[in-house]
Amino acid sequence: MATFTYEFEELPLVIANGIPAGQINGCAELTFDRNGNWQVQSVCVEGYQTLTQAERSAGKKPWIYVAAPTEIAGIVEERLSNEWNFRVQDAIREAIEAEREAAAEYRADMRREDRMGAF
């Protein structure tokens, strides 16, 4: 199985009467197979760290990902599997296609090198 990091923005933790609330940003580490079946391995949410002026000047960013508590990770996984499933499926399809293209290019490079005796 391959791995993929799916980044999400404004994912609602709550949907009440069709109204999304408690929106968060973060990422989910997914594993997937060639058929597009996927599973969440871990969830991180976006956090903010206070930086000194020296850290900012050095290019350090205040926004970081932190591991989500089990309860929040469960909600995120549920959202990704249900309301956001089509978004995750699209991202997985793109990742599978990119892997296929990379594999085809690799095979073509190997054939070229073999023909030229570079092996």
N, C-alpha and C. Protein backbone atom coordinates (compact mmCIF):
# COMPACT_ATOMS: atom_id res chain seq x y z
N MET A 1 0.84 -1.19 0.00
CA MET A 1 0.00 0.00 0.00
C MET A 1 0.88 1.25 0.00
N ALA A 2 0.42 2.24 -0.69
CA ALA A 2 1.13 3.51 -0.77
C ALA A 2 0.58 4.46 0.30
N THR A 3 1.33 5.50 0.61
CA THR A 3 0.88 6.50 1.57
C THR A 3 0.69 7.84 0.88
N PHE A 4 -0.16 8.65 1.46
CA PHE A 4 -0.51 9.93 0.88
C PHE A 4 -0.93 10.86 2.02
N THR A 5 -0.49 12.11 1.97
CA THR A 5 -0.91 13.09 2.97
C THR A 5 -1.99 13.96 2.35
N TYR A 6 -3.18 13.89 2.91
CA TYR A 6 -4.31 14.69 2.44
C TYR A 6 -4.45 15.89 3.36
N GLU A 7 -4.28 17.08 2.80
CA GLU A 7 -4.44 18.31 3.58
C GLU A 7 -5.86 18.82 3.43
N PHE A 8 -6.46 19.24 4.54
CA PHE A 8 -7.82 19.76 4.50
C PHE A 8 -7.87 21.15 5.13
N GLU A 9 -8.80 21.94 4.64
CA GLU A 9 -9.02 23.29 5.17
C GLU A 9 -10.50 23.45 5.47
N GLU A 10 -10.79 24.07 6.59
CA GLU A 10 -12.16 24.37 7.00
C GLU A 10 -13.04 23.12 7.04
N LEU A 11 -12.49 22.03 7.56
CA LEU A 11 -13.27 20.82 7.76
C LEU A 11 -14.12 21.02 9.01
N PRO A 12 -15.44 20.87 8.91
CA PRO A 12 -16.29 21.11 10.07
C PRO A 12 -16.27 19.94 11.06
N LEU A 13 -16.05 20.26 12.32
CA LEU A 13 -16.13 19.23 13.36
C LEU A 13 -17.58 18.91 13.69
N VAL A 14 -18.45 19.88 13.45
CA VAL A 14 -19.87 19.72 13.74
C VAL A 14 -20.66 20.16 12.52
N ILE A 15 -21.72 19.42 12.22
CA ILE A 15 -22.69 19.86 11.21
C ILE A 15 -24.05 19.75 11.89
N ALA A 16 -24.64 20.91 12.22
CA ALA A 16 -25.92 20.95 12.93
C ALA A 16 -26.97 21.59 12.04
N ASN A 17 -28.02 20.84 11.74
CA ASN A 17 -29.08 21.33 10.86
C ASN A 17 -28.52 21.84 9.53
N GLY A 18 -27.51 21.13 9.03
CA GLY A 18 -26.90 21.49 7.75
C GLY A 18 -25.90 22.63 7.84
N ILE A 19 -25.65 23.13 9.04
CA ILE A 19 -24.74 24.25 9.22
C ILE A 19 -23.40 23.73 9.72
N PRO A 20 -22.31 23.94 8.93
CA PRO A 20 -20.99 23.51 9.38
C PRO A 20 -20.46 24.45 10.46
N ALA A 21 -19.84 23.87 11.49
CA ALA A 21 -19.29 24.67 12.59
C ALA A 21 -18.00 24.03 13.09
N GLY A 22 -17.23 24.81 13.83
CA GLY A 22 -15.98 24.29 14.39
C GLY A 22 -15.01 23.86 13.30
N GLN A 23 -14.82 24.72 12.31
CA GLN A 23 -13.99 24.36 11.16
C GLN A 23 -12.50 24.40 11.52
N ILE A 24 -11.78 23.37 11.08
CA ILE A 24 -10.35 23.26 11.37
C ILE A 24 -9.57 22.96 10.10
N ASN A 25 -8.28 23.22 10.18
CA ASN A 25 -7.35 22.87 9.11
C ASN A 25 -6.42 21.79 9.63
N GLY A 26 -5.90 20.97 8.73
CA GLY A 26 -4.96 19.94 9.14
C GLY A 26 -4.63 19.01 8.01
N CYS A 27 -4.18 17.81 8.36
CA CYS A 27 -3.85 16.81 7.35
C CYS A 27 -4.09 15.42 7.92
N ALA A 28 -4.32 14.49 7.01
CA ALA A 28 -4.50 13.09 7.39
C ALA A 28 -3.53 12.26 6.57
N GLU A 29 -2.82 11.38 7.24
CA GLU A 29 -1.92 10.44 6.57
C GLU A 29 -2.77 9.23 6.18
N LEU A 30 -2.85 8.96 4.88
CA LEU A 30 -3.68 7.88 4.37
C LEU A 30 -2.82 6.79 3.75
N THR A 31 -3.30 5.56 3.80
CA THR A 31 -2.72 4.49 2.98
C THR A 31 -3.78 4.14 1.95
N PHE A 32 -3.32 3.77 0.75
CA PHE A 32 -4.28 3.42 -0.30
C PHE A 32 -3.69 2.35 -1.19
N ASP A 33 -4.60 1.64 -1.89
CA ASP A 33 -4.14 0.63 -2.84
C ASP A 33 -4.46 1.09 -4.26
N ARG A 34 -4.06 0.30 -5.25
CA ARG A 34 -4.24 0.68 -6.66
C ARG A 34 -5.70 0.80 -7.07
N ASN A 35 -6.59 0.18 -6.31
CA ASN A 35 -8.02 0.24 -6.62
C ASN A 35 -8.70 1.48 -6.03
N GLY A 36 -7.94 2.28 -5.29
CA GLY A 36 -8.49 3.49 -4.72
C GLY A 36 -9.06 3.31 -3.32
N ASN A 37 -8.94 2.13 -2.75
CA ASN A 37 -9.38 1.91 -1.37
C ASN A 37 -8.38 2.60 -0.44
N TRP A 38 -8.87 3.31 0.55
CA TRP A 38 -7.99 4.05 1.43
C TRP A 38 -8.41 3.93 2.88
N GLN A 39 -7.46 4.27 3.75
CA GLN A 39 -7.68 4.19 5.19
C GLN A 39 -6.85 5.28 5.87
N VAL A 40 -7.44 5.92 6.87
CA VAL A 40 -6.73 6.95 7.62
C VAL A 40 -5.79 6.29 8.62
N GLN A 41 -4.54 6.72 8.61
CA GLN A 41 -3.55 6.22 9.56
C GLN A 41 -3.35 7.16 10.74
N SER A 42 -3.36 8.47 10.45
CA SER A 42 -3.19 9.45 11.52
C SER A 42 -3.75 10.79 11.08
N VAL A 43 -4.06 11.63 12.05
CA VAL A 43 -4.62 12.96 11.77
C VAL A 43 -3.84 13.99 12.57
N CYS A 44 -3.50 15.09 11.92
CA CYS A 44 -2.88 16.24 12.58
C CYS A 44 -3.75 17.46 12.31
N VAL A 45 -3.76 18.37 13.26
CA VAL A 45 -4.50 19.62 13.09
C VAL A 45 -3.52 20.78 13.17
N GLU A 46 -3.94 21.88 12.59
CA GLU A 46 -3.08 23.06 12.54
C GLU A 46 -3.04 23.75 13.89
N GLY A 47 -1.84 24.10 14.32
CA GLY A 47 -1.65 24.82 15.57
C GLY A 47 -0.82 26.07 15.32
N TYR A 48 -0.78 26.92 16.31
CA TYR A 48 -0.04 28.17 16.21
C TYR A 48 0.94 28.24 17.37
N GLN A 49 2.20 28.51 17.04
CA GLN A 49 3.22 28.66 18.08
C GLN A 49 3.73 30.10 18.08
N THR A 50 3.91 30.64 19.26
CA THR A 50 4.45 31.99 19.40
C THR A 50 5.94 31.96 19.13
N LEU A 51 6.40 32.85 18.27
CA LEU A 51 7.81 32.90 17.89
C LEU A 51 8.44 34.21 18.32
N THR A 52 9.72 34.16 18.57
CA THR A 52 10.47 35.39 18.83
C THR A 52 10.73 36.07 17.49
N GLN A 53 11.11 37.33 17.56
CA GLN A 53 11.43 38.05 16.33
C GLN A 53 12.60 37.38 15.61
N ALA A 54 13.57 36.87 16.36
CA ALA A 54 14.72 36.19 15.75
C ALA A 54 14.28 34.94 15.00
N GLU A 55 13.35 34.18 15.58
CA GLU A 55 12.84 32.97 14.91
C GLU A 55 12.09 33.33 13.63
N ARG A 56 11.29 34.39 13.71
CA ARG A 56 10.56 34.84 12.51
C ARG A 56 11.54 35.29 11.42
N SER A 57 12.55 36.04 11.83
CA SER A 57 13.56 36.53 10.87
C SER A 57 14.31 35.38 10.23
N ALA A 58 14.48 34.29 10.98
CA ALA A 58 15.19 33.11 10.46
C ALA A 58 14.30 32.29 9.53
N GLY A 59 13.03 32.70 9.39
CA GLY A 59 12.13 32.01 8.46
C GLY A 59 11.25 30.95 9.08
N LYS A 60 11.28 30.81 10.39
CA LYS A 60 10.44 29.82 11.05
C LYS A 60 8.98 30.26 10.96
N LYS A 61 8.09 29.33 10.69
CA LYS A 61 6.67 29.64 10.53
C LYS A 61 5.92 29.36 11.83
N PRO A 62 4.95 30.22 12.16
CA PRO A 62 4.21 30.01 13.40
C PRO A 62 3.17 28.88 13.30
N TRP A 63 2.71 28.57 12.07
CA TRP A 63 1.69 27.54 11.90
C TRP A 63 2.35 26.18 11.76
N ILE A 64 1.96 25.25 12.62
CA ILE A 64 2.52 23.90 12.58
C ILE A 64 1.39 22.87 12.71
N TYR A 65 1.67 21.64 12.33
CA TYR A 65 0.71 20.56 12.53
C TYR A 65 1.06 19.83 13.82
N VAL A 66 0.03 19.55 14.62
CA VAL A 66 0.20 18.77 15.85
C VAL A 66 -0.75 17.57 15.79
N ALA A 67 -0.36 16.48 16.43
CA ALA A 67 -1.19 15.28 16.44
C ALA A 67 -2.55 15.60 17.07
N ALA A 68 -3.60 15.16 16.39
CA ALA A 68 -4.95 15.41 16.90
C ALA A 68 -5.28 14.45 18.04
N PRO A 69 -5.97 14.92 19.07
CA PRO A 69 -6.43 14.01 20.11
C PRO A 69 -7.36 12.96 19.48
N THR A 70 -7.45 11.82 20.12
CA THR A 70 -8.23 10.69 19.59
C THR A 70 -9.66 11.10 19.21
N GLU A 71 -10.31 11.89 20.04
CA GLU A 71 -11.69 12.28 19.79
C GLU A 71 -11.81 13.11 18.51
N ILE A 72 -10.91 14.07 18.34
CA ILE A 72 -10.95 14.91 17.15
C ILE A 72 -10.54 14.11 15.92
N ALA A 73 -9.54 13.26 16.06
CA ALA A 73 -9.12 12.41 14.93
C ALA A 73 -10.28 11.55 14.46
N GLY A 74 -11.07 11.04 15.38
CA GLY A 74 -12.24 10.23 15.02
C GLY A 74 -13.27 11.02 14.24
N ILE A 75 -13.51 12.26 14.66
CA ILE A 75 -14.46 13.12 13.94
C ILE A 75 -13.94 13.42 12.54
N VAL A 76 -12.66 13.76 12.44
CA VAL A 76 -12.06 14.06 11.13
C VAL A 76 -12.16 12.84 10.22
N GLU A 77 -11.81 11.67 10.75
CA GLU A 77 -11.88 10.45 9.95
C GLU A 77 -13.31 10.20 9.46
N GLU A 78 -14.29 10.43 10.33
CA GLU A 78 -15.69 10.26 9.94
C GLU A 78 -16.07 11.23 8.82
N ARG A 79 -15.66 12.49 8.95
CA ARG A 79 -15.96 13.49 7.91
C ARG A 79 -15.32 13.10 6.58
N LEU A 80 -14.04 12.69 6.63
CA LEU A 80 -13.34 12.32 5.40
C LEU A 80 -13.98 11.10 4.75
N SER A 81 -14.51 10.20 5.55
CA SER A 81 -15.12 8.98 5.02
C SER A 81 -16.54 9.20 4.52
N ASN A 82 -17.18 10.28 4.95
CA ASN A 82 -18.57 10.52 4.58
C ASN A 82 -18.73 11.80 3.75
N GLU A 83 -18.93 12.93 4.42
CA GLU A 83 -19.22 14.18 3.71
C GLU A 83 -18.11 14.61 2.76
N TRP A 84 -16.86 14.32 3.10
CA TRP A 84 -15.73 14.74 2.27
C TRP A 84 -15.15 13.60 1.45
N ASN A 85 -15.84 12.48 1.39
CA ASN A 85 -15.31 11.31 0.69
C ASN A 85 -14.95 11.62 -0.76
N PHE A 86 -15.80 12.36 -1.46
CA PHE A 86 -15.53 12.66 -2.87
C PHE A 86 -14.24 13.46 -3.03
N ARG A 87 -13.93 14.32 -2.07
CA ARG A 87 -12.69 15.11 -2.14
C ARG A 87 -11.47 14.21 -1.95
N VAL A 88 -11.57 13.31 -0.97
CA VAL A 88 -10.47 12.38 -0.72
C VAL A 88 -10.30 11.46 -1.91
N GLN A 89 -11.41 10.94 -2.46
CA GLN A 89 -11.34 10.04 -3.62
C GLN A 89 -10.65 10.72 -4.80
N ASP A 90 -10.99 11.99 -5.04
CA ASP A 90 -10.34 12.73 -6.13
C ASP A 90 -8.84 12.84 -5.90
N ALA A 91 -8.44 13.15 -4.68
CA ALA A 91 -7.01 13.28 -4.36
C ALA A 91 -6.30 11.94 -4.50
N ILE A 92 -6.94 10.86 -4.08
CA ILE A 92 -6.35 9.52 -4.21
C ILE A 92 -6.21 9.16 -5.68
N ARG A 93 -7.24 9.44 -6.48
CA ARG A 93 -7.17 9.17 -7.92
C ARG A 93 -5.99 9.89 -8.56
N GLU A 94 -5.79 11.15 -8.19
CA GLU A 94 -4.66 11.92 -8.72
C GLU A 94 -3.34 11.31 -8.28
N ALA A 95 -3.25 10.86 -7.03
CA ALA A 95 -2.02 10.24 -6.54
C ALA A 95 -1.73 8.93 -7.27
N ILE A 96 -2.77 8.14 -7.52
CA ILE A 96 -2.59 6.87 -8.25
C ILE A 96 -2.13 7.16 -9.67
N GLU A 97 -2.73 8.14 -10.32
CA GLU A 97 -2.34 8.50 -11.68
C GLU A 97 -0.90 9.00 -11.72
N ALA A 98 -0.51 9.80 -10.74
CA ALA A 98 0.87 10.30 -10.68
C ALA A 98 1.85 9.14 -10.50
N GLU A 99 1.48 8.17 -9.66
CA GLU A 99 2.35 7.00 -9.46
C GLU A 99 2.47 6.19 -10.75
N ARG A 100 1.36 6.04 -11.47
CA ARG A 100 1.40 5.29 -12.74
C ARG A 100 2.27 6.00 -13.77
N GLU A 101 2.13 7.31 -13.85
CA GLU A 101 2.96 8.08 -14.79
C GLU A 101 4.43 7.97 -14.43
N ALA A 102 4.74 8.07 -13.14
CA ALA A 102 6.14 7.96 -12.71
C ALA A 102 6.70 6.58 -13.02
N ALA A 103 5.89 5.54 -12.82
CA ALA A 103 6.34 4.18 -13.12
C ALA A 103 6.57 4.00 -14.61
N ALA A 104 5.68 4.57 -15.44
CA ALA A 104 5.84 4.46 -16.89
C ALA A 104 7.10 5.20 -17.34
N GLU A 105 7.36 6.37 -16.78
CA GLU A 105 8.57 7.12 -17.12
C GLU A 105 9.82 6.35 -16.70
N TYR A 106 9.77 5.73 -15.53
CA TYR A 106 10.90 4.95 -15.04
C TYR A 106 11.18 3.78 -15.99
N ARG A 107 10.11 3.07 -16.39
CA ARG A 107 10.29 1.94 -17.31
C ARG A 107 10.86 2.41 -18.65
N ALA A 108 10.38 3.55 -19.15
CA ALA A 108 10.89 4.08 -20.41
C ALA A 108 12.37 4.45 -20.28
N ASP A 109 12.74 5.07 -19.16
CA ASP A 109 14.15 5.40 -18.92
C ASP A 109 15.02 4.15 -18.87
N MET A 110 14.53 3.12 -18.22
CA MET A 110 15.29 1.87 -18.12
C MET A 110 15.48 1.24 -19.50
N ARG A 111 14.43 1.27 -20.33
CA ARG A 111 14.55 0.72 -21.69
C ARG A 111 15.56 1.52 -22.51
N ARG A 112 15.53 2.86 -22.38
CA ARG A 112 16.49 3.69 -23.11
C ARG A 112 17.91 3.39 -22.67
N GLU A 113 18.11 3.32 -21.36
CA GLU A 113 19.45 3.02 -20.84
C GLU A 113 19.91 1.64 -21.28
N ASP A 114 19.01 0.69 -21.30
CA ASP A 114 19.35 -0.67 -21.72
C ASP A 114 19.76 -0.69 -23.19
N ARG A 115 19.03 0.04 -24.03
CA ARG A 115 19.36 0.10 -25.46
C ARG A 115 20.69 0.79 -25.70
N MET A 116 21.02 1.77 -24.85
CA MET A 116 22.26 2.52 -25.04
C MET A 116 23.43 1.86 -24.33
N GLY A 117 23.17 0.77 -23.62
CA GLY A 117 24.25 0.07 -22.94
C GLY A 117 24.74 0.78 -21.69
N ALA A 118 23.91 1.65 -21.13
CA ALA A 118 24.32 2.40 -19.95
C ALA A 118 24.22 1.58 -18.68
N PHE A 119 23.68 0.42 -18.78
CA PHE A 119 23.52 -0.42 -17.60
C PHE A 119 24.77 -1.08 -17.25
